[in-house]
Amino acid sequence: MHQLRIFIELTRLNKPIGFMLLFWPCAWGLAYAYSKELNNDLFTYYLILFFLGSVLMRSAGCIFNDIIDKDFDKQVERTKKRPIASGKISVIQSFVYVIILCMLSLLVLLEFNFLTICLGLGSMFLAFSYPFMKRITYWPQLFLGITFNWGLIMAWTSMVNNISLEVMILYISAIFWTLGYDTIYGTQDISDDEIIGLKSTAIKFKNNIKKFVTISYLITISTLIFVFYDDFNFNFSTFFILLFIASLIYQIFYFKVQNPLTCLKAFKFNNYSGLFLFLGIYLGNI
């Protein structure tokens, strides 16, 4: 039972916001294909598979990140009690968990077509490169956006077996969504990160964080409108897309740079944002 608690803490399964933010772009990609009436018989099955894949890969990513960052985590108030940093579990045992989780993820991936499998294998490089980005660039949040939203493209290709311009624009929209919300999240660690030498967009734009997040979210909104402009109408689909846009605007006004709790709450609110957009896209076919 003690080992199970450590595993849950290690994989952040007790903090579902992480794997949900990985899952929502996948759900958007599937819903977009569904809204175009493309291969709809597989929609529910693939939605379940992408959810499982998101949980497994997010869990593996968390452990790998903690292995790489263990020395930094010991120096940061928010992370110093993590299992690896605090010595509750060894690096070797943690790495075994990473391998097991990746193998399970591969089993899920093999359910899809060849193009999606190739994209999924390619995403492994992105996923395991991310922990090093905060050491070499002030833009790790941009790299996270590229990585975290890769599943949107995979979800589309799993249903359609090709890549379209509209999906790539939707992918760009999702990248800037992540760039915004993860900058809000990173605001909590500015002081500690500066002391230990880690980089982030929150540090780079620390005197203009609100403005940077606003610009990121405006790019998200404008690209989203570009994709769905022709589908806007007085219906539930448009209502939920507008609700997604409103949720981003709400975050901009809600979070306070000097108040970490508001940053955390604004970050977590993106779970609802992801749901709103999923419903907006999905209901486009109903």
Protein backbone atom coordinates (compact mmCIF):
# COMPACT_ATOMS: atom_id res chain seq x y z
CA MET A 1 0.00 0.00 0.00
CA HIS A 2 2.88 2.34 0.79
CA GLN A 3 4.46 1.64 -2.62
CA LEU A 4 1.13 2.33 -4.32
CA ARG A 5 0.90 5.73 -2.62
CA ILE A 6 4.44 6.55 -3.76
CA PHE A 7 3.60 5.46 -7.34
CA ILE A 8 0.49 7.65 -7.39
CA GLU A 9 2.48 10.59 -6.06
CA LEU A 10 5.29 9.92 -8.54
CA THR A 11 2.97 9.80 -11.54
CA ARG A 12 0.74 12.67 -10.30
CA LEU A 13 -2.32 10.45 -10.72
CA ASN A 14 -3.69 12.29 -7.69
CA LYS A 15 -3.48 15.50 -9.76
CA PRO A 16 -5.53 14.72 -12.90
CA ILE A 17 -5.17 18.22 -14.37
CA GLY A 18 -1.87 17.09 -15.94
CA PHE A 19 -3.16 14.18 -17.98
CA MET A 20 -6.43 15.99 -18.76
CA LEU A 21 -4.53 18.86 -20.37
CA LEU A 22 -2.73 16.25 -22.46
CA PHE A 23 -5.99 14.50 -23.30
CA TRP A 24 -8.15 17.47 -24.34
CA PRO A 25 -6.21 18.27 -27.55
CA CYS A 26 -6.55 14.59 -28.50
CA ALA A 27 -10.28 14.84 -27.90
CA TRP A 28 -10.40 18.00 -30.04
CA GLY A 29 -8.72 16.20 -32.94
CA LEU A 30 -11.13 13.29 -32.72
CA ALA A 31 -14.14 15.60 -32.38
CA TYR A 32 -13.02 17.63 -35.39
CA ALA A 33 -12.88 14.49 -37.51
CA TYR A 34 -16.25 13.46 -36.07
CA SER A 35 -17.75 16.86 -36.94
CA LYS A 36 -16.71 16.26 -40.55
CA GLU A 37 -18.45 12.85 -40.43
CA LEU A 38 -15.19 11.03 -41.03
CA ASN A 39 -14.91 7.44 -39.74
CA ASN A 40 -17.38 8.09 -36.90
CA ASP A 41 -17.76 4.41 -35.96
CA LEU A 42 -14.36 4.51 -34.23
CA PHE A 43 -14.90 7.77 -32.34
CA THR A 44 -15.82 6.39 -28.89
CA TYR A 45 -13.25 3.59 -29.00
CA TYR A 46 -10.47 5.96 -30.02
CA LEU A 47 -11.55 8.51 -27.39
CA ILE A 48 -11.01 5.84 -24.73
CA LEU A 49 -7.65 4.81 -26.22
CA PHE A 50 -6.39 8.40 -26.33
CA PHE A 51 -7.48 8.92 -22.74
CA LEU A 52 -5.54 5.82 -21.66
CA GLY A 53 -2.55 6.92 -23.72
CA SER A 54 -2.66 10.38 -22.14
CA VAL A 55 -2.68 8.96 -18.62
CA LEU A 56 0.16 6.53 -19.37
CA MET A 57 2.41 8.98 -21.22
CA ARG A 58 1.79 11.81 -18.76
CA SER A 59 2.71 9.43 -15.93
CA ALA A 60 5.90 8.33 -17.69
CA GLY A 61 6.77 11.94 -18.47
CA CYS A 62 6.31 13.03 -14.86
CA ILE A 63 8.65 10.32 -13.60
CA PHE A 64 11.29 11.03 -16.25
CA ASN A 65 11.06 14.75 -15.51
CA ASP A 66 11.57 14.07 -11.79
CA ILE A 67 14.59 11.86 -12.51
CA ILE A 68 16.24 14.59 -14.57
CA ASP A 69 15.24 17.40 -12.18
CA LYS A 70 15.86 15.62 -8.87
CA ASP A 71 18.69 17.95 -7.81
CA PHE A 72 16.73 21.05 -8.79
CA ASP A 73 13.54 19.78 -7.13
CA LYS A 74 15.35 19.55 -3.79
CA GLN A 75 15.87 23.31 -3.90
CA VAL A 76 12.34 24.36 -4.86
CA GLU A 77 9.71 24.68 -2.15
CA ARG A 78 6.88 23.37 -4.36
CA THR A 79 8.79 20.25 -5.50
CA LYS A 80 11.20 19.30 -2.72
CA LYS A 81 8.82 16.67 -1.30
CA ARG A 82 8.44 14.76 -4.57
CA PRO A 83 9.29 11.04 -4.14
CA ILE A 84 12.62 11.03 -6.00
CA ALA A 85 13.83 14.37 -4.63
CA SER A 86 12.93 13.37 -1.08
CA GLY A 87 14.48 9.90 -1.39
CA LYS A 88 11.25 7.91 -1.03
CA ILE A 89 12.10 5.94 -4.18
CA SER A 90 15.33 5.25 -6.07
CA VAL A 91 16.15 6.53 -9.54
CA ILE A 92 16.56 2.95 -10.83
CA GLN A 93 13.13 1.86 -9.61
CA SER A 94 11.61 5.04 -11.03
CA PHE A 95 13.22 4.37 -14.40
CA VAL A 96 11.74 0.85 -14.42
CA TYR A 97 8.32 2.45 -14.00
CA VAL A 98 9.05 4.72 -16.99
CA ILE A 99 9.87 1.71 -19.18
CA ILE A 100 6.74 -0.18 -18.10
CA LEU A 101 4.50 2.83 -18.73
CA CYS A 102 6.07 3.42 -22.16
CA MET A 103 5.54 -0.23 -23.12
CA LEU A 104 1.88 0.00 -22.11
CA SER A 105 1.59 3.21 -24.14
CA LEU A 106 3.05 1.38 -27.13
CA LEU A 107 0.35 -1.28 -26.87
CA VAL A 108 -2.27 1.46 -27.06
CA LEU A 109 -0.49 3.12 -29.99
CA LEU A 110 -0.45 -0.12 -32.01
CA GLU A 111 -4.25 0.02 -32.22
CA PHE A 112 -4.00 2.91 -34.71
CA ASN A 113 -3.04 3.20 -38.38
CA PHE A 114 0.57 3.36 -39.61
CA LEU A 115 0.72 7.16 -39.94
CA THR A 116 -0.53 7.64 -36.38
CA ILE A 117 1.94 5.06 -35.06
CA CYS A 118 4.80 6.93 -36.76
CA LEU A 119 3.62 10.23 -35.29
CA GLY A 120 3.32 8.62 -31.87
CA LEU A 121 6.85 7.22 -31.98
CA GLY A 122 8.09 10.62 -33.09
CA SER A 123 6.43 12.24 -30.10
CA MET A 124 8.65 10.20 -27.78
CA PHE A 125 11.61 12.39 -28.72
CA LEU A 126 9.58 15.51 -27.88
CA ALA A 127 8.30 14.09 -24.59
CA PHE A 128 11.72 13.09 -23.27
CA SER A 129 13.47 16.23 -24.51
CA TYR A 130 11.21 18.63 -22.63
CA PRO A 131 12.89 18.34 -19.18
CA PHE A 132 16.14 19.64 -20.68
CA MET A 133 14.56 22.70 -22.34
CA LYS A 134 14.30 24.73 -19.13
CA ARG A 135 18.10 24.51 -18.87
CA ILE A 136 18.87 25.88 -22.33
CA THR A 137 16.06 28.26 -23.35
CA TYR A 138 13.58 30.73 -21.89
CA TRP A 139 10.91 29.08 -24.06
CA PRO A 140 10.33 25.63 -22.49
CA GLN A 141 6.60 26.43 -22.40
CA LEU A 142 6.60 26.75 -26.20
CA PHE A 143 8.32 23.36 -26.48
CA LEU A 144 5.76 21.96 -24.03
CA GLY A 145 2.97 23.31 -26.24
CA ILE A 146 4.44 21.60 -29.29
CA THR A 147 4.75 18.36 -27.30
CA PHE A 148 1.53 18.39 -25.28
CA ASN A 149 -0.69 19.09 -28.27
CA TRP A 150 0.92 16.59 -30.64
CA GLY A 151 -1.94 14.25 -29.78
CA LEU A 152 -4.34 16.56 -31.63
CA ILE A 153 -2.64 15.72 -34.93
CA MET A 154 -2.45 12.03 -33.99
CA ALA A 155 -6.14 11.93 -33.12
CA TRP A 156 -7.07 13.43 -36.50
CA THR A 157 -4.80 11.06 -38.44
CA SER A 158 -6.16 8.07 -36.52
CA MET A 159 -9.59 8.81 -38.00
CA VAL A 160 -8.66 10.29 -41.39
CA ASN A 161 -5.16 8.97 -42.19
CA ASN A 162 -3.91 12.32 -43.50
CA ILE A 163 -2.92 15.78 -42.23
CA SER A 164 -4.99 18.81 -43.24
CA LEU A 165 -4.23 22.54 -43.12
CA GLU A 166 -7.19 23.19 -40.80
CA VAL A 167 -5.89 20.67 -38.27
CA MET A 168 -2.44 22.25 -38.33
CA ILE A 169 -3.98 25.66 -37.64
CA LEU A 170 -5.97 24.13 -34.78
CA TYR A 171 -2.69 22.63 -33.53
CA ILE A 172 -1.07 26.08 -33.57
CA SER A 173 -4.05 27.43 -31.64
CA ALA A 174 -3.55 24.71 -29.02
CA ILE A 175 0.20 25.44 -28.76
CA PHE A 176 -0.48 29.06 -27.80
CA TRP A 177 -3.15 27.89 -25.35
CA THR A 178 -0.49 25.82 -23.60
CA LEU A 179 2.04 28.66 -23.84
CA GLY A 180 -0.43 30.86 -21.99
CA TYR A 181 -1.57 28.51 -19.24
CA ASP A 182 1.89 27.10 -18.52
CA THR A 183 3.31 30.61 -18.22
CA ILE A 184 0.61 31.27 -15.62
CA TYR A 185 1.63 28.04 -13.86
CA GLY A 186 5.35 28.89 -14.03
CA THR A 187 4.73 32.22 -12.33
CA GLN A 188 4.57 30.34 -9.02
CA ASP A 189 8.23 29.31 -9.30
CA ILE A 190 9.90 32.50 -10.57
CA SER A 191 11.90 33.19 -7.39
CA ASP A 192 13.14 29.62 -6.92
CA ASP A 193 13.86 29.10 -10.63
CA GLU A 194 15.95 32.27 -10.81
CA ILE A 195 18.03 31.17 -7.83
CA ILE A 196 18.84 27.74 -9.25
CA GLY A 197 19.27 28.93 -12.84
CA LEU A 198 16.24 27.45 -14.60
CA LYS A 199 14.55 29.33 -17.43
CA SER A 200 10.91 29.91 -18.37
CA THR A 201 8.66 32.36 -20.20
CA ALA A 202 7.44 33.49 -16.77
CA ILE A 203 10.99 34.65 -15.99
CA LYS A 204 11.65 36.09 -19.45
CA PHE A 205 8.49 38.19 -19.32
CA LYS A 206 8.24 38.59 -15.54
CA ASN A 207 7.60 42.33 -15.85
CA ASN A 208 4.90 41.80 -18.49
CA ILE A 209 3.41 38.39 -17.71
CA LYS A 210 -0.20 39.54 -18.08
CA LYS A 211 0.55 41.07 -21.47
CA PHE A 212 2.38 37.93 -22.65
CA VAL A 213 -0.44 35.60 -21.56
CA THR A 214 -2.98 37.94 -23.17
CA ILE A 215 -1.11 37.85 -26.49
CA SER A 216 -0.79 34.04 -26.32
CA TYR A 217 -4.50 33.62 -25.66
CA LEU A 218 -5.43 36.15 -28.37
CA ILE A 219 -3.48 34.07 -30.89
CA THR A 220 -5.33 30.99 -29.63
CA ILE A 221 -8.67 32.72 -30.05
CA SER A 222 -7.95 34.26 -33.47
CA THR A 223 -6.67 30.99 -35.00
CA LEU A 224 -9.63 29.15 -33.50
CA ILE A 225 -12.06 31.62 -35.07
CA PHE A 226 -10.25 31.20 -38.40
CA VAL A 227 -10.85 27.43 -38.30
CA PHE A 228 -14.49 27.54 -37.17
CA TYR A 229 -15.71 30.83 -38.65
CA ASP A 230 -17.86 29.16 -41.30
CA ASP A 231 -19.49 26.95 -38.66
CA PHE A 232 -20.52 29.77 -36.32
CA ASN A 233 -24.28 29.84 -35.86
CA PHE A 234 -26.84 30.18 -33.11
CA ASN A 235 -26.43 26.67 -31.72
CA PHE A 236 -24.84 24.73 -28.85
CA SER A 237 -21.60 24.25 -30.77
CA THR A 238 -21.01 27.99 -31.07
CA PHE A 239 -22.11 28.49 -27.45
CA PHE A 240 -19.40 26.16 -26.11
CA ILE A 241 -16.71 27.61 -28.40
CA LEU A 242 -17.60 31.06 -27.10
CA LEU A 243 -17.52 29.66 -23.56
CA PHE A 244 -13.97 28.42 -24.22
CA ILE A 245 -12.98 31.90 -25.40
CA ALA A 246 -14.65 33.46 -22.34
CA SER A 247 -12.76 31.07 -20.05
CA LEU A 248 -9.43 32.30 -21.41
CA ILE A 249 -10.44 35.93 -20.95
CA TYR A 250 -11.54 35.11 -17.39
CA GLN A 251 -8.12 33.66 -16.58
CA ILE A 252 -6.35 36.79 -17.81
CA PHE A 253 -8.32 38.96 -15.41
CA TYR A 254 -8.32 36.45 -12.54
CA PHE A 255 -4.68 35.48 -11.99
CA LYS A 256 -2.41 37.83 -10.04
CA VAL A 257 1.34 37.58 -10.56
CA GLN A 258 2.03 38.23 -6.88
CA ASN A 259 -0.54 35.69 -5.70
CA PRO A 260 0.55 32.08 -6.48
CA LEU A 261 -2.81 30.66 -5.43
CA THR A 262 -4.64 32.61 -8.14
CA CYS A 263 -2.07 31.39 -10.68
CA LEU A 264 -2.67 27.77 -9.67
CA LYS A 265 -6.46 28.17 -9.79
CA ALA A 266 -6.32 29.89 -13.20
CA PHE A 267 -4.09 27.09 -14.49
CA LYS A 268 -6.44 24.39 -13.22
CA PHE A 269 -9.42 26.16 -14.80
CA ASN A 270 -8.05 25.10 -18.17
CA ASN A 271 -9.52 21.66 -17.58
CA TYR A 272 -12.94 23.30 -18.02
CA SER A 273 -11.61 25.27 -21.00
CA GLY A 274 -10.57 22.02 -22.68
CA LEU A 275 -13.98 20.49 -22.03
CA PHE A 276 -15.79 23.55 -23.42
CA LEU A 277 -13.89 23.42 -26.70
CA PHE A 278 -14.34 19.66 -27.00
CA LEU A 279 -18.11 20.06 -26.65
CA GLY A 280 -18.08 22.96 -29.10
CA ILE A 281 -16.28 20.93 -31.76
CA TYR A 282 -18.17 17.69 -31.07
CA LEU A 283 -21.59 19.31 -31.22
CA GLY A 284 -20.76 20.74 -34.64
CA ASN A 285 -22.04 17.47 -36.12
CA ILE A 286 -25.28 17.33 -34.14
